Amino acid sequence: RFLQYGFNRISQACELHMAGFRFAVL
């Protein structure tokens, strides 16, 4: 639903966080 500009990657990262994912920087 996030088309064009804004909140596309923010929404994905937010959901990953809510789902319990961790973020490891390479």
PDB file of all heavy atoms in Angstrom:
ATOM      1  N   ARG A   1       0.829  -1.211   0.000  1.00  0.00           N
ATOM      2  CA  ARG A   1       0.000   0.000   0.000  1.00  0.00           C
ATOM      3  C   ARG A   1       0.861   1.258   0.000  1.00  0.00           C
ATOM      4  O   ARG A   1       0.389   2.319  -0.396  1.00  0.00           O
ATOM      5  CB  ARG A   1      -0.926   0.014   1.216  1.00  0.00           C
ATOM      6  CG  ARG A   1      -1.984  -1.077   1.189  1.00  0.00           C
ATOM      7  CD  ARG A   1      -2.803  -1.064   2.455  1.00  0.00           C
ATOM      8  NE  ARG A   1      -1.967  -1.430   3.599  1.00  0.00           N
ATOM      9  CZ  ARG A   1      -2.376  -1.399   4.871  1.00  0.00           C
ATOM     10  NH1 ARG A   1      -3.611  -1.034   5.159  1.00  0.00           N
ATOM     11  NH2 ARG A   1      -1.565  -1.761   5.840  1.00  0.00           N
ATOM     12  N   PHE A   2       2.103   1.138   0.453  1.00  0.00           N
ATOM     13  CA  PHE A   2       2.994   2.300   0.489  1.00  0.00           C
ATOM     14  C   PHE A   2       3.583   2.497  -0.903  1.00  0.00           C
ATOM     15  O   PHE A   2       4.563   1.850  -1.276  1.00  0.00           O
ATOM     16  CB  PHE A   2       4.095   2.108   1.538  1.00  0.00           C
ATOM     17  CG  PHE A   2       3.560   2.119   2.938  1.00  0.00           C
ATOM     18  CD1 PHE A   2       3.234   0.940   3.573  1.00  0.00           C
ATOM     19  CD2 PHE A   2       3.365   3.311   3.615  1.00  0.00           C
ATOM     20  CE1 PHE A   2       2.728   0.940   4.863  1.00  0.00           C
ATOM     21  CE2 PHE A   2       2.856   3.323   4.909  1.00  0.00           C
ATOM     22  CZ  PHE A   2       2.539   2.136   5.534  1.00  0.00           C
ATOM     23  N   LEU A   3       2.961   3.377  -1.651  1.00  0.00           N
ATOM     24  CA  LEU A   3       3.376   3.624  -3.025  1.00  0.00           C
ATOM     25  C   LEU A   3       4.221   4.882  -3.113  1.00  0.00           C
ATOM     26  O   LEU A   3       4.032   5.822  -2.344  1.00  0.00           O
ATOM     27  CB  LEU A   3       2.148   3.772  -3.929  1.00  0.00           C
ATOM     28  CG  LEU A   3       1.228   2.554  -4.007  1.00  0.00           C
ATOM     29  CD1 LEU A   3      -0.001   2.890  -4.827  1.00  0.00           C
ATOM     30  CD2 LEU A   3       1.966   1.374  -4.601  1.00  0.00           C
ATOM     31  N   GLN A   4       5.114   4.863  -4.049  1.00  0.00           N
ATOM     32  CA  GLN A   4       5.959   6.015  -4.359  1.00  0.00           C
ATOM     33  C   GLN A   4       6.832   6.384  -3.170  1.00  0.00           C
ATOM     34  O   GLN A   4       7.568   5.553  -2.681  1.00  0.00           O
ATOM     35  CB  GLN A   4       5.118   7.186  -4.851  1.00  0.00           C
ATOM     36  CG  GLN A   4       4.307   6.891  -6.089  1.00  0.00           C
ATOM     37  CD  GLN A   4       5.133   6.496  -7.304  1.00  0.00           C
ATOM     38  OE1 GLN A   4       6.315   6.783  -7.398  1.00  0.00           O
ATOM     39  NE2 GLN A   4       4.510   5.828  -8.241  1.00  0.00           N
ATOM     40  N   TYR A   5       6.690   7.618  -2.668  1.00  0.00           N
ATOM     41  CA  TYR A   5       7.662   8.139  -1.729  1.00  0.00           C
ATOM     42  C   TYR A   5       7.164   8.122  -0.288  1.00  0.00           C
ATOM     43  O   TYR A   5       6.092   8.612   0.008  1.00  0.00           O
ATOM     44  CB  TYR A   5       8.052   9.572  -2.115  1.00  0.00           C
ATOM     45  CG  TYR A   5       9.249  10.039  -1.362  1.00  0.00           C
ATOM     46  CD1 TYR A   5      10.523   9.740  -1.814  1.00  0.00           C
ATOM     47  CD2 TYR A   5       9.124  10.681  -0.157  1.00  0.00           C
ATOM     48  CE1 TYR A   5      11.633  10.109  -1.094  1.00  0.00           C
ATOM     49  CE2 TYR A   5      10.223  11.055   0.576  1.00  0.00           C
ATOM     50  CZ  TYR A   5      11.471  10.768   0.094  1.00  0.00           C
ATOM     51  OH  TYR A   5      12.572  11.116   0.818  1.00  0.00           O
ATOM     52  N   GLY A   6       7.958   7.595   0.600  1.00  0.00           N
ATOM     53  CA  GLY A   6       7.744   7.737   2.026  1.00  0.00           C
ATOM     54  C   GLY A   6       7.125   6.556   2.733  1.00  0.00           C
ATOM     55  O   GLY A   6       6.126   6.005   2.293  1.00  0.00           O
ATOM     56  N   PHE A   7       7.759   6.162   3.815  1.00  0.00           N
ATOM     57  CA  PHE A   7       7.286   5.169   4.772  1.00  0.00           C
ATOM     58  C   PHE A   7       7.322   3.732   4.277  1.00  0.00           C
ATOM     59  O   PHE A   7       6.901   2.833   4.988  1.00  0.00           O
ATOM     60  CB  PHE A   7       5.882   5.517   5.294  1.00  0.00           C
ATOM     61  CG  PHE A   7       5.873   6.748   6.143  1.00  0.00           C
ATOM     62  CD1 PHE A   7       5.622   7.986   5.586  1.00  0.00           C
ATOM     63  CD2 PHE A   7       6.154   6.670   7.498  1.00  0.00           C
ATOM     64  CE1 PHE A   7       5.643   9.129   6.365  1.00  0.00           C
ATOM     65  CE2 PHE A   7       6.166   7.805   8.290  1.00  0.00           C
ATOM     66  CZ  PHE A   7       5.911   9.040   7.711  1.00  0.00           C
ATOM     67  N   ASN A   8       7.839   3.475   3.098  1.00  0.00           N
ATOM     68  CA  ASN A   8       7.901   2.093   2.624  1.00  0.00           C
ATOM     69  C   ASN A   8       8.899   1.276   3.440  1.00  0.00           C
ATOM     70  O   ASN A   8       8.543   0.252   4.010  1.00  0.00           O
ATOM     71  CB  ASN A   8       8.194   2.026   1.124  1.00  0.00           C
ATOM     72  CG  ASN A   8       9.353   2.899   0.710  1.00  0.00           C
ATOM     73  OD1 ASN A   8      10.071   3.460   1.538  1.00  0.00           O
ATOM     74  ND2 ASN A   8       9.545   3.038  -0.580  1.00  0.00           N
ATOM     75  N   ARG A   9      10.130   1.706   3.533  1.00  0.00           N
ATOM     76  CA  ARG A   9      11.119   0.971   4.330  1.00  0.00           C
ATOM     77  C   ARG A   9      10.895   1.164   5.826  1.00  0.00           C
ATOM     78  O   ARG A   9      11.157   0.273   6.622  1.00  0.00           O
ATOM     79  CB  ARG A   9      12.540   1.374   3.929  1.00  0.00           C
ATOM     80  CG  ARG A   9      12.949   0.745   2.604  1.00  0.00           C
ATOM     81  CD  ARG A   9      14.378   1.035   2.190  1.00  0.00           C
ATOM     82  NE  ARG A   9      14.528   2.435   1.849  1.00  0.00           N
ATOM     83  CZ  ARG A   9      15.390   3.274   2.424  1.00  0.00           C
ATOM     84  NH1 ARG A   9      16.217   2.853   3.345  1.00  0.00           N
ATOM     85  NH2 ARG A   9      15.455   4.531   2.061  1.00  0.00           N
ATOM     86  N   ILE A  10      10.381   2.310   6.229  1.00  0.00           N
ATOM     87  CA  ILE A  10      10.089   2.546   7.646  1.00  0.00           C
ATOM     88  C   ILE A  10       9.039   1.548   8.117  1.00  0.00           C
ATOM     89  O   ILE A  10       9.165   0.951   9.194  1.00  0.00           O
ATOM     90  CB  ILE A  10       9.624   4.000   7.879  1.00  0.00           C
ATOM     91  CG1 ILE A  10      10.784   4.969   7.651  1.00  0.00           C
ATOM     92  CG2 ILE A  10       9.054   4.171   9.287  1.00  0.00           C
ATOM     93  CD1 ILE A  10      10.373   6.436   7.685  1.00  0.00           C
ATOM     94  N   SER A  11       7.996   1.339   7.328  1.00  0.00           N
ATOM     95  CA  SER A  11       6.936   0.409   7.727  1.00  0.00           C
ATOM     96  C   SER A  11       7.470  -1.021   7.808  1.00  0.00           C
ATOM     97  O   SER A  11       7.128  -1.761   8.728  1.00  0.00           O
ATOM     98  CB  SER A  11       5.748   0.490   6.766  1.00  0.00           C
ATOM     99  OG  SER A  11       6.107   0.087   5.461  1.00  0.00           O
ATOM    100  N   GLN A  12       8.308  -1.396   6.872  1.00  0.00           N
ATOM    101  CA  GLN A  12       8.868  -2.756   6.873  1.00  0.00           C
ATOM    102  C   GLN A  12       9.737  -2.976   8.116  1.00  0.00           C
ATOM    103  O   GLN A  12       9.621  -3.995   8.795  1.00  0.00           O
ATOM    104  CB  GLN A  12       9.678  -3.000   5.604  1.00  0.00           C
ATOM    105  CG  GLN A  12      10.314  -4.368   5.524  1.00  0.00           C
ATOM    106  CD  GLN A  12       9.337  -5.479   5.201  1.00  0.00           C
ATOM    107  OE1 GLN A  12       8.256  -5.239   4.706  1.00  0.00           O
ATOM    108  NE2 GLN A  12       9.725  -6.695   5.485  1.00  0.00           N
ATOM    109  N   ALA A  13      10.596  -2.020   8.427  1.00  0.00           N
ATOM    110  CA  ALA A  13      11.464  -2.150   9.603  1.00  0.00           C
ATOM    111  C   ALA A  13      10.640  -2.146  10.890  1.00  0.00           C
ATOM    112  O   ALA A  13      10.929  -2.899  11.828  1.00  0.00           O
ATOM    113  CB  ALA A  13      12.499  -1.032   9.628  1.00  0.00           C
ATOM    114  N   CYS A  14       9.621  -1.334  10.936  1.00  0.00           N
ATOM    115  CA  CYS A  14       8.734  -1.280  12.096  1.00  0.00           C
ATOM    116  C   CYS A  14       8.083  -2.642  12.320  1.00  0.00           C
ATOM    117  O   CYS A  14       8.049  -3.150  13.450  1.00  0.00           O
ATOM    118  CB  CYS A  14       7.680  -0.199  11.864  1.00  0.00           C
ATOM    119  SG  CYS A  14       6.381  -0.111  13.083  1.00  0.00           S
ATOM    120  N   GLU A  15       7.591  -3.257  11.245  1.00  0.00           N
ATOM    121  CA  GLU A  15       6.959  -4.567  11.401  1.00  0.00           C
ATOM    122  C   GLU A  15       7.971  -5.633  11.798  1.00  0.00           C
ATOM    123  O   GLU A  15       7.670  -6.503  12.630  1.00  0.00           O
ATOM    124  CB  GLU A  15       6.211  -4.995  10.149  1.00  0.00           C
ATOM    125  CG  GLU A  15       5.498  -6.310  10.357  1.00  0.00           C
ATOM    126  CD  GLU A  15       4.386  -6.607   9.392  1.00  0.00           C
ATOM    127  OE1 GLU A  15       4.172  -5.839   8.446  1.00  0.00           O
ATOM    128  OE2 GLU A  15       3.718  -7.649   9.596  1.00  0.00           O
ATOM    129  N   LEU A  16       9.156  -5.592  11.239  1.00  0.00           N
ATOM    130  CA  LEU A  16      10.195  -6.536  11.657  1.00  0.00           C
ATOM    131  C   LEU A  16      10.436  -6.425  13.158  1.00  0.00           C
ATOM    132  O   LEU A  16      10.531  -7.431  13.864  1.00  0.00           O
ATOM    133  CB  LEU A  16      11.500  -6.280  10.894  1.00  0.00           C
ATOM    134  CG  LEU A  16      11.531  -6.677   9.431  1.00  0.00           C
ATOM    135  CD1 LEU A  16      12.760  -6.084   8.748  1.00  0.00           C
ATOM    136  CD2 LEU A  16      11.513  -8.194   9.284  1.00  0.00           C
ATOM    137  N   HIS A  17      10.526  -5.215  13.631  1.00  0.00           N
ATOM    138  CA  HIS A  17      10.724  -4.958  15.057  1.00  0.00           C
ATOM    139  C   HIS A  17       9.572  -5.551  15.873  1.00  0.00           C
ATOM    140  O   HIS A  17       9.793  -6.275  16.845  1.00  0.00           O
ATOM    141  CB  HIS A  17      10.851  -3.455  15.284  1.00  0.00           C
ATOM    142  CG  HIS A  17      10.819  -3.034  16.697  1.00  0.00           C
ATOM    143  ND1 HIS A  17      11.831  -3.304  17.595  1.00  0.00           N
ATOM    144  CD2 HIS A  17       9.874  -2.347  17.398  1.00  0.00           C
ATOM    145  CE1 HIS A  17      11.523  -2.814  18.770  1.00  0.00           C
ATOM    146  NE2 HIS A  17      10.335  -2.228  18.689  1.00  0.00           N
ATOM    147  N   MET A  18       8.354  -5.261  15.477  1.00  0.00           N
ATOM    148  CA  MET A  18       7.172  -5.768  16.195  1.00  0.00           C
ATOM    149  C   MET A  18       7.133  -7.295  16.187  1.00  0.00           C
ATOM    150  O   MET A  18       6.697  -7.915  17.146  1.00  0.00           O
ATOM    151  CB  MET A  18       5.885  -5.225  15.571  1.00  0.00           C
ATOM    152  CG  MET A  18       5.640  -3.756  15.796  1.00  0.00           C
ATOM    153  SD  MET A  18       5.062  -3.369  17.446  1.00  0.00           S
ATOM    154  CE  MET A  18       3.474  -4.182  17.474  1.00  0.00           C
ATOM    155  N   ALA A  19       7.595  -7.900  15.088  1.00  0.00           N
ATOM    156  CA  ALA A  19       7.572  -9.359  14.941  1.00  0.00           C
ATOM    157  C   ALA A  19       8.703 -10.046  15.705  1.00  0.00           C
ATOM    158  O   ALA A  19       8.790 -11.268  15.702  1.00  0.00           O
ATOM    159  CB  ALA A  19       7.632  -9.729  13.463  1.00  0.00           C
ATOM    160  N   GLY A  20       9.565  -9.254  16.338  1.00  0.00           N
ATOM    161  CA  GLY A  20      10.616  -9.843  17.166  1.00  0.00           C
ATOM    162  C   GLY A  20      11.971  -9.989  16.498  1.00  0.00           C
ATOM    163  O   GLY A  20      12.877 -10.602  17.062  1.00  0.00           O
ATOM    164  N   PHE A  21      12.141  -9.414  15.316  1.00  0.00           N
ATOM    165  CA  PHE A  21      13.429  -9.505  14.636  1.00  0.00           C
ATOM    166  C   PHE A  21      14.461  -8.611  15.312  1.00  0.00           C
ATOM    167  O   PHE A  21      14.131  -7.596  15.920  1.00  0.00           O
ATOM    168  CB  PHE A  21      13.291  -9.111  13.158  1.00  0.00           C
ATOM    169  CG  PHE A  21      12.769 -10.213  12.296  1.00  0.00           C
ATOM    170  CD1 PHE A  21      11.413 -10.502  12.275  1.00  0.00           C
ATOM    171  CD2 PHE A  21      13.625 -10.979  11.521  1.00  0.00           C
ATOM    172  CE1 PHE A  21      10.916 -11.524  11.486  1.00  0.00           C
ATOM    173  CE2 PHE A  21      13.139 -12.009  10.734  1.00  0.00           C
ATOM    174  CZ  PHE A  21      11.780 -12.283  10.725  1.00  0.00           C
ATOM    175  N   ARG A  22      15.714  -9.007  15.181  1.00  0.00           N
ATOM    176  CA  ARG A  22      16.852  -8.220  15.645  1.00  0.00           C
ATOM    177  C   ARG A  22      17.582  -7.684  14.424  1.00  0.00           C
ATOM    178  O   ARG A  22      17.499  -8.260  13.340  1.00  0.00           O
ATOM    179  CB  ARG A  22      17.780  -9.098  16.503  1.00  0.00           C
ATOM    180  CG  ARG A  22      17.071  -9.553  17.764  1.00  0.00           C
ATOM    181  CD  ARG A  22      17.789 -10.596  18.598  1.00  0.00           C
ATOM    182  NE  ARG A  22      19.201 -10.755  18.408  1.00  0.00           N
ATOM    183  CZ  ARG A  22      19.817 -11.942  18.408  1.00  0.00           C
ATOM    184  NH1 ARG A  22      19.132 -13.064  18.586  1.00  0.00           N
ATOM    185  NH2 ARG A  22      21.104 -12.022  18.254  1.00  0.00           N
ATOM    186  N   PHE A  23      18.329  -6.606  14.623  1.00  0.00           N
ATOM    187  CA  PHE A  23      19.031  -5.929  13.539  1.00  0.00           C
ATOM    188  C   PHE A  23      20.542  -5.994  13.800  1.00  0.00           C
ATOM    189  O   PHE A  23      21.025  -5.420  14.775  1.00  0.00           O
ATOM    190  CB  PHE A  23      18.575  -4.468  13.436  1.00  0.00           C
ATOM    191  CG  PHE A  23      17.116  -4.327  13.099  1.00  0.00           C
ATOM    192  CD1 PHE A  23      16.150  -4.327  14.085  1.00  0.00           C
ATOM    193  CD2 PHE A  23      16.717  -4.203  11.777  1.00  0.00           C
ATOM    194  CE1 PHE A  23      14.806  -4.205  13.778  1.00  0.00           C
ATOM    195  CE2 PHE A  23      15.371  -4.083  11.456  1.00  0.00           C
ATOM    196  CZ  PHE A  23      14.412  -4.081  12.454  1.00  0.00           C
ATOM    197  N   ALA A  24      21.260  -6.697  12.930  1.00  0.00           N
ATOM    198  CA  ALA A  24      22.714  -6.852  13.047  1.00  0.00           C
ATOM    199  C   ALA A  24      23.389  -6.092  11.912  1.00  0.00           C
ATOM    200  O   ALA A  24      23.122  -6.360  10.734  1.00  0.00           O
ATOM    201  CB  ALA A  24      23.096  -8.330  12.998  1.00  0.00           C
ATOM    202  N   VAL A  25      24.227  -5.133  12.261  1.00  0.00           N
ATOM    203  CA  VAL A  25      24.915  -4.317  11.261  1.00  0.00           C
ATOM    204  C   VAL A  25      26.144  -5.067  10.769  1.00  0.00           C
ATOM    205  O   VAL A  25      26.946  -5.569  11.565  1.00  0.00           O
ATOM    206  CB  VAL A  25      25.317  -2.944  11.838  1.00  0.00           C
ATOM    207  CG1 VAL A  25      26.080  -2.117  10.815  1.00  0.00           C
ATOM    208  CG2 VAL A  25      24.074  -2.201  12.330  1.00  0.00           C
ATOM    209  N   LEU A  26      26.273  -5.142   9.452  1.00  0.00           N
ATOM    210  CA  LEU A  26      27.425  -5.808   8.850  1.00  0.00           C
ATOM    211  C   LEU A  26      28.589  -4.839   8.716  1.00  0.00           C
ATOM    212  O   LEU A  26      28.398  -3.651   8.470  1.00  0.00           O
ATOM    213  CB  LEU A  26      27.063  -6.356   7.468  1.00  0.00           C
ATOM    214  CG  LEU A  26      26.034  -7.474   7.434  1.00  0.00           C
ATOM    215  CD1 LEU A  26      25.739  -7.874   5.988  1.00  0.00           C
ATOM    216  CD2 LEU A  26      26.513  -8.680   8.230  1.00  0.00           C
TER     217      LEU A  26
END
